[in-house]
Structures are given as structure tokens and as C-alpha cells.
């Protein structure tokens, strides 16, 4: 499927690049996500990147994904708060500060 030798898979495991679960018989059991990571690792190593660097790239990708999720959550909270503030402003008849003319 991936056309790599067992020794390469062992090295990925030893360097904590991809650590699959093991069956009771000791066989590697990869998830779909781990197979995607394996394909990425094979490509990066093929470009001359070391396994230590590949591991770091994967760590940084994970951090970026976490930060994007956190940012999306913060934006959703901010948007909800803004919408709520606008509804209150309309209900009270006040003009929001950003809608007032600057000349006053």
C-alpha cells in the first residue's frame, strides 16, 4: 500500500514521527490519519528532510490546527457578543458609537 520497508516504519516509530497501535501479535495497526501522516513523512523524507525535522513539522502542524480552532471559537464568541450588543442597542433606540457622525 505505501511501498516502504519495515525498517523505515520502525524508524518512524523510534523517532516518534508516527506511533501506531499494536495488535496482540505485535503488528502495527495504523489509523487513516496515521496513514496520511505516513504518506506525508515519506514525501518529506524523500525531499531530504530528517526524521527529527519531520516530527517537528508534524508537531507544528498540530499546534497550528489547535490555534485555528481556538481562534475560530474566539471569533464565534466575539460575533455572538457583537450581535447581542446590536440587538440591545436597537431595542433601546440608542445609536451605536460607530454609527454616529464624526463631526459632532
N, C-alpha and C. Protein backbone atom coordinates (compact mmCIF):
# COMPACT_ATOMS: atom_id res chain seq x y z
N UNK A 1 0.82 -1.19 0.00
CA UNK A 1 0.00 0.00 0.00
C UNK A 1 0.87 1.26 0.00
N UNK A 2 1.84 1.34 0.92
CA UNK A 2 2.71 2.51 0.98
C UNK A 2 4.04 2.28 0.29
N UNK A 3 4.35 1.03 0.02
CA UNK A 3 5.58 0.65 -0.68
C UNK A 3 6.84 1.14 0.06
N UNK A 4 6.87 0.90 1.37
CA UNK A 4 8.07 1.21 2.16
C UNK A 4 8.48 -0.04 2.92
N UNK A 5 9.73 -0.08 3.30
CA UNK A 5 10.24 -1.25 4.02
C UNK A 5 9.89 -1.17 5.50
N UNK A 6 9.86 -2.33 6.13
CA UNK A 6 9.58 -2.41 7.56
C UNK A 6 10.57 -1.58 8.38
N UNK A 7 11.81 -1.56 7.95
CA UNK A 7 12.84 -0.81 8.68
C UNK A 7 12.50 0.68 8.73
N UNK A 8 11.94 1.20 7.64
CA UNK A 8 11.55 2.61 7.60
C UNK A 8 10.41 2.86 8.59
N UNK A 9 9.44 1.96 8.62
CA UNK A 9 8.32 2.11 9.56
C UNK A 9 8.82 2.05 11.00
N UNK A 10 9.79 1.17 11.24
CA UNK A 10 10.40 1.07 12.58
C UNK A 10 11.07 2.39 12.95
N UNK A 11 11.80 2.98 12.01
CA UNK A 11 12.49 4.26 12.27
C UNK A 11 11.49 5.38 12.56
N UNK A 12 10.38 5.40 11.83
CA UNK A 12 9.35 6.41 12.10
C UNK A 12 8.81 6.25 13.53
N UNK A 13 8.63 5.00 13.92
CA UNK A 13 8.15 4.70 15.27
C UNK A 13 9.19 5.11 16.31
N UNK A 14 10.45 4.76 16.08
CA UNK A 14 11.54 5.08 17.02
C UNK A 14 11.72 6.59 17.19
N UNK A 15 11.50 7.34 16.13
CA UNK A 15 11.67 8.80 16.18
C UNK A 15 10.37 9.53 16.55
N UNK A 16 9.36 8.79 16.96
CA UNK A 16 8.07 9.36 17.36
C UNK A 16 7.42 10.20 16.26
N UNK A 17 7.65 9.84 15.02
CA UNK A 17 7.01 10.53 13.91
C UNK A 17 5.58 10.01 13.78
N UNK A 18 5.44 8.71 13.70
CA UNK A 18 4.14 8.04 13.65
C UNK A 18 4.23 6.82 14.56
N UNK A 19 3.36 6.76 15.57
CA UNK A 19 3.38 5.63 16.52
C UNK A 19 2.04 4.92 16.49
N UNK A 20 1.93 3.89 15.68
CA UNK A 20 0.65 3.19 15.58
C UNK A 20 0.40 2.30 16.79
N UNK A 21 -0.86 1.96 16.97
CA UNK A 21 -1.22 0.97 17.99
C UNK A 21 -0.71 -0.39 17.52
N UNK A 22 -0.64 -1.32 18.44
CA UNK A 22 -0.16 -2.68 18.10
C UNK A 22 -1.25 -3.69 18.41
N UNK A 23 -1.31 -4.71 17.57
CA UNK A 23 -2.22 -5.82 17.84
C UNK A 23 -1.61 -6.68 18.94
N UNK A 24 -2.36 -7.65 19.44
CA UNK A 24 -1.82 -8.55 20.46
C UNK A 24 -0.63 -9.33 19.93
N UNK A 25 -0.58 -9.53 18.62
CA UNK A 25 0.55 -10.22 17.99
C UNK A 25 1.72 -9.30 17.68
N UNK A 26 1.59 -7.99 18.00
CA UNK A 26 2.67 -7.06 17.79
C UNK A 26 2.68 -6.36 16.44
N UNK A 27 1.66 -6.62 15.61
CA UNK A 27 1.61 -5.97 14.30
C UNK A 27 1.14 -4.52 14.44
N UNK A 28 1.70 -3.67 13.60
CA UNK A 28 1.30 -2.26 13.62
C UNK A 28 -0.12 -2.13 13.06
N UNK A 29 -0.92 -1.30 13.72
CA UNK A 29 -2.30 -1.02 13.29
C UNK A 29 -2.45 0.49 13.11
N UNK A 30 -2.44 0.93 11.86
CA UNK A 30 -2.49 2.36 11.56
C UNK A 30 -3.92 2.83 11.36
N UNK A 31 -4.22 4.00 11.91
CA UNK A 31 -5.50 4.65 11.62
C UNK A 31 -5.39 5.35 10.27
N UNK A 32 -6.51 5.82 9.75
CA UNK A 32 -6.48 6.56 8.48
C UNK A 32 -5.62 7.81 8.62
N UNK A 33 -5.73 8.49 9.75
CA UNK A 33 -4.93 9.70 10.00
C UNK A 33 -3.44 9.36 10.01
N UNK A 34 -3.08 8.24 10.65
CA UNK A 34 -1.68 7.83 10.70
C UNK A 34 -1.15 7.46 9.31
N UNK A 35 -2.00 6.88 8.49
CA UNK A 35 -1.58 6.55 7.12
C UNK A 35 -1.32 7.84 6.34
N UNK A 36 -2.18 8.83 6.55
CA UNK A 36 -1.94 10.14 5.91
C UNK A 36 -0.62 10.73 6.38
N UNK A 37 -0.35 10.63 7.69
CA UNK A 37 0.92 11.11 8.22
C UNK A 37 2.10 10.34 7.62
N UNK A 38 1.94 9.02 7.48
CA UNK A 38 3.00 8.21 6.86
C UNK A 38 3.29 8.69 5.44
N UNK A 39 2.24 8.94 4.69
CA UNK A 39 2.43 9.41 3.32
C UNK A 39 3.16 10.76 3.31
N UNK A 40 2.77 11.65 4.22
CA UNK A 40 3.46 12.94 4.32
C UNK A 40 4.92 12.75 4.71
N UNK A 41 5.17 11.86 5.67
CA UNK A 41 6.54 11.61 6.13
C UNK A 41 7.39 11.04 5.00
N UNK A 42 6.83 10.11 4.24
CA UNK A 42 7.56 9.52 3.11
C UNK A 42 7.94 10.61 2.11
N UNK A 43 6.99 11.50 1.83
CA UNK A 43 7.26 12.60 0.89
C UNK A 43 8.34 13.53 1.43
N UNK A 44 8.25 13.91 2.70
CA UNK A 44 9.23 14.83 3.29
C UNK A 44 10.63 14.20 3.34
N UNK A 45 10.70 12.95 3.74
CA UNK A 45 12.00 12.26 3.78
C UNK A 45 12.56 12.15 2.36
N UNK A 46 11.69 11.92 1.40
CA UNK A 46 12.12 11.86 0.01
C UNK A 46 12.70 13.18 -0.48
N UNK A 47 12.30 14.28 0.16
CA UNK A 47 12.82 15.61 -0.18
C UNK A 47 14.10 15.92 0.60
N UNK A 48 14.53 14.96 1.43
CA UNK A 48 15.78 15.14 2.16
C UNK A 48 15.64 15.67 3.57
N UNK A 49 14.44 15.71 4.09
CA UNK A 49 14.22 16.21 5.45
C UNK A 49 14.43 15.07 6.44
N UNK A 50 15.12 15.36 7.54
CA UNK A 50 15.41 14.33 8.55
C UNK A 50 14.15 13.95 9.32
N UNK A 51 14.18 12.78 9.96
CA UNK A 51 13.03 12.33 10.74
C UNK A 51 12.77 13.24 11.94
N UNK A 52 13.83 13.78 12.51
CA UNK A 52 13.67 14.72 13.62
C UNK A 52 12.91 15.96 13.13
N UNK A 53 13.28 16.45 11.96
CA UNK A 53 12.61 17.61 11.39
C UNK A 53 11.16 17.28 11.00
N UNK A 54 10.93 16.08 10.48
CA UNK A 54 9.57 15.67 10.12
C UNK A 54 8.70 15.65 11.37
N UNK A 55 9.22 15.10 12.46
CA UNK A 55 8.47 15.08 13.72
C UNK A 55 8.11 16.51 14.14
N UNK A 56 9.08 17.43 14.04
CA UNK A 56 8.83 18.82 14.42
C UNK A 56 7.79 19.46 13.52
N UNK A 57 7.85 19.17 12.23
CA UNK A 57 6.83 19.68 11.29
C UNK A 57 5.45 19.20 11.71
N UNK A 58 5.33 17.93 12.06
CA UNK A 58 4.04 17.38 12.48
C UNK A 58 3.57 18.06 13.77
N UNK A 59 4.49 18.28 14.71
CA UNK A 59 4.14 18.97 15.96
C UNK A 59 3.62 20.37 15.67
N UNK A 60 4.31 21.08 14.79
CA UNK A 60 3.88 22.44 14.45
C UNK A 60 2.54 22.45 13.72
N UNK A 61 2.32 21.48 12.86
CA UNK A 61 1.02 21.37 12.18
C UNK A 61 -0.10 21.19 13.21
N UNK A 62 0.17 20.35 14.20
CA UNK A 62 -0.82 20.10 15.25
C UNK A 62 -1.09 21.38 16.03
N UNK A 63 -0.05 22.12 16.37
CA UNK A 63 -0.22 23.38 17.11
C UNK A 63 -1.01 24.39 16.28
N UNK A 64 -0.72 24.48 15.00
CA UNK A 64 -1.44 25.40 14.12
C UNK A 64 -2.92 25.03 14.09
N UNK A 65 -3.22 23.74 13.97
CA UNK A 65 -4.61 23.30 13.95
C UNK A 65 -5.32 23.66 15.25
N UNK A 66 -4.65 23.47 16.39
CA UNK A 66 -5.23 23.84 17.68
C UNK A 66 -5.48 25.34 17.76
N UNK A 67 -4.52 26.13 17.31
CA UNK A 67 -4.67 27.58 17.35
C UNK A 67 -5.78 28.07 16.42
N UNK A 68 -5.92 27.44 15.26
CA UNK A 68 -7.00 27.80 14.35
C UNK A 68 -8.36 27.50 14.99
N UNK A 69 -8.47 26.37 15.65
CA UNK A 69 -9.72 26.02 16.32
C UNK A 69 -10.01 27.01 17.45
N UNK A 70 -8.99 27.37 18.21
CA UNK A 70 -9.16 28.33 19.29
C UNK A 70 -9.58 29.69 18.74
N UNK A 71 -8.95 30.13 17.66
CA UNK A 71 -9.28 31.40 17.04
C UNK A 71 -10.72 31.39 16.52
N UNK A 72 -11.12 30.30 15.89
CA UNK A 72 -12.50 30.20 15.39
C UNK A 72 -13.49 30.31 16.53
N UNK A 73 -13.18 29.67 17.65
CA UNK A 73 -14.05 29.75 18.82
C UNK A 73 -14.13 31.17 19.36
N UNK A 74 -12.99 31.85 19.44
CA UNK A 74 -12.97 33.23 19.92
C UNK A 74 -13.74 34.15 18.98
N UNK A 75 -13.59 33.93 17.69
CA UNK A 75 -14.33 34.75 16.72
C UNK A 75 -15.83 34.53 16.86
N UNK A 76 -16.23 33.29 17.07
CA UNK A 76 -17.66 32.99 17.24
C UNK A 76 -18.21 33.68 18.49
N UNK A 77 -17.45 33.65 19.57
CA UNK A 77 -17.88 34.31 20.80
C UNK A 77 -17.99 35.81 20.57
N UNK A 78 -16.99 36.39 19.91
CA UNK A 78 -16.99 37.83 19.63
C UNK A 78 -18.18 38.21 18.75
N UNK A 79 -18.46 37.42 17.72
CA UNK A 79 -19.58 37.70 16.82
C UNK A 79 -20.91 37.60 17.57
N UNK A 80 -21.02 36.60 18.41
CA UNK A 80 -22.26 36.43 19.20
C UNK A 80 -22.45 37.63 20.13
N UNK A 81 -21.37 38.06 20.75
CA UNK A 81 -21.43 39.21 21.65
C UNK A 81 -21.80 40.48 20.87
N UNK A 82 -21.20 40.66 19.69
CA UNK A 82 -21.48 41.84 18.87
C UNK A 82 -22.95 41.85 18.44
N UNK A 83 -23.46 40.71 18.00
CA UNK A 83 -24.86 40.61 17.59
C UNK A 83 -25.79 40.92 18.75
N UNK A 84 -25.46 40.41 19.91
CA UNK A 84 -26.27 40.65 21.10
C UNK A 84 -26.26 42.13 21.46
N UNK A 85 -25.09 42.76 21.38
CA UNK A 85 -24.98 44.19 21.67
C UNK A 85 -25.81 45.01 20.68
N UNK A 86 -25.77 44.63 19.41
CA UNK A 86 -26.54 45.35 18.40
C UNK A 86 -28.04 45.22 18.64
N UNK A 87 -28.49 44.04 19.03
CA UNK A 87 -29.92 43.85 19.32
C UNK A 87 -30.36 44.71 20.49
N UNK A 88 -29.52 44.77 21.53
CA UNK A 88 -29.84 45.60 22.70
C UNK A 88 -29.88 47.07 22.31
N UNK A 89 -28.94 47.48 21.48
CA UNK A 89 -28.87 48.89 21.05
C UNK A 89 -30.12 49.26 20.25
N UNK A 90 -30.52 48.39 19.32
CA UNK A 90 -31.73 48.66 18.53
C UNK A 90 -32.96 48.70 19.42
N UNK A 91 -33.02 47.80 20.38
CA UNK A 91 -34.18 47.75 21.27
C UNK A 91 -34.29 49.00 22.14
N UNK A 92 -33.15 49.56 22.53
CA UNK A 92 -33.16 50.74 23.40
C UNK A 92 -33.28 52.03 22.60
N UNK A 93 -33.09 51.97 21.28
CA UNK A 93 -33.18 53.17 20.45
C UNK A 93 -31.91 53.98 20.40
N UNK A 94 -30.87 53.54 21.08
CA UNK A 94 -29.59 54.25 21.05
C UNK A 94 -28.91 54.05 19.71
N UNK A 95 -28.10 55.01 19.34
CA UNK A 95 -27.29 54.89 18.13
C UNK A 95 -25.92 54.40 18.56
N UNK A 96 -25.46 53.28 17.99
CA UNK A 96 -24.15 52.77 18.38
C UNK A 96 -23.04 53.77 18.04
N UNK A 97 -21.98 53.82 18.82
CA UNK A 97 -20.90 54.79 18.60
C UNK A 97 -20.33 54.76 17.19
N UNK A 98 -20.21 53.59 16.59
CA UNK A 98 -19.60 53.52 15.25
C UNK A 98 -20.54 54.06 14.18
N UNK A 99 -21.83 54.24 14.49
CA UNK A 99 -22.79 54.75 13.52
C UNK A 99 -22.98 56.27 13.61
N UNK A 100 -22.47 56.88 14.67
CA UNK A 100 -22.57 58.33 14.84
C UNK A 100 -21.61 59.03 13.90
N UNK A 101 -21.98 60.26 13.50
CA UNK A 101 -21.07 61.00 12.62
C UNK A 101 -19.90 61.52 13.43
N UNK A 102 -18.78 61.66 12.78
CA UNK A 102 -17.55 62.09 13.45
C UNK A 102 -17.54 63.59 13.72
N UNK A 103 -18.39 64.35 13.04
CA UNK A 103 -18.37 65.77 13.15
C UNK A 103 -18.99 66.32 14.43
N UNK A 104 -19.65 65.54 15.21
CA UNK A 104 -20.33 66.03 16.41
C UNK A 104 -19.45 66.10 17.60
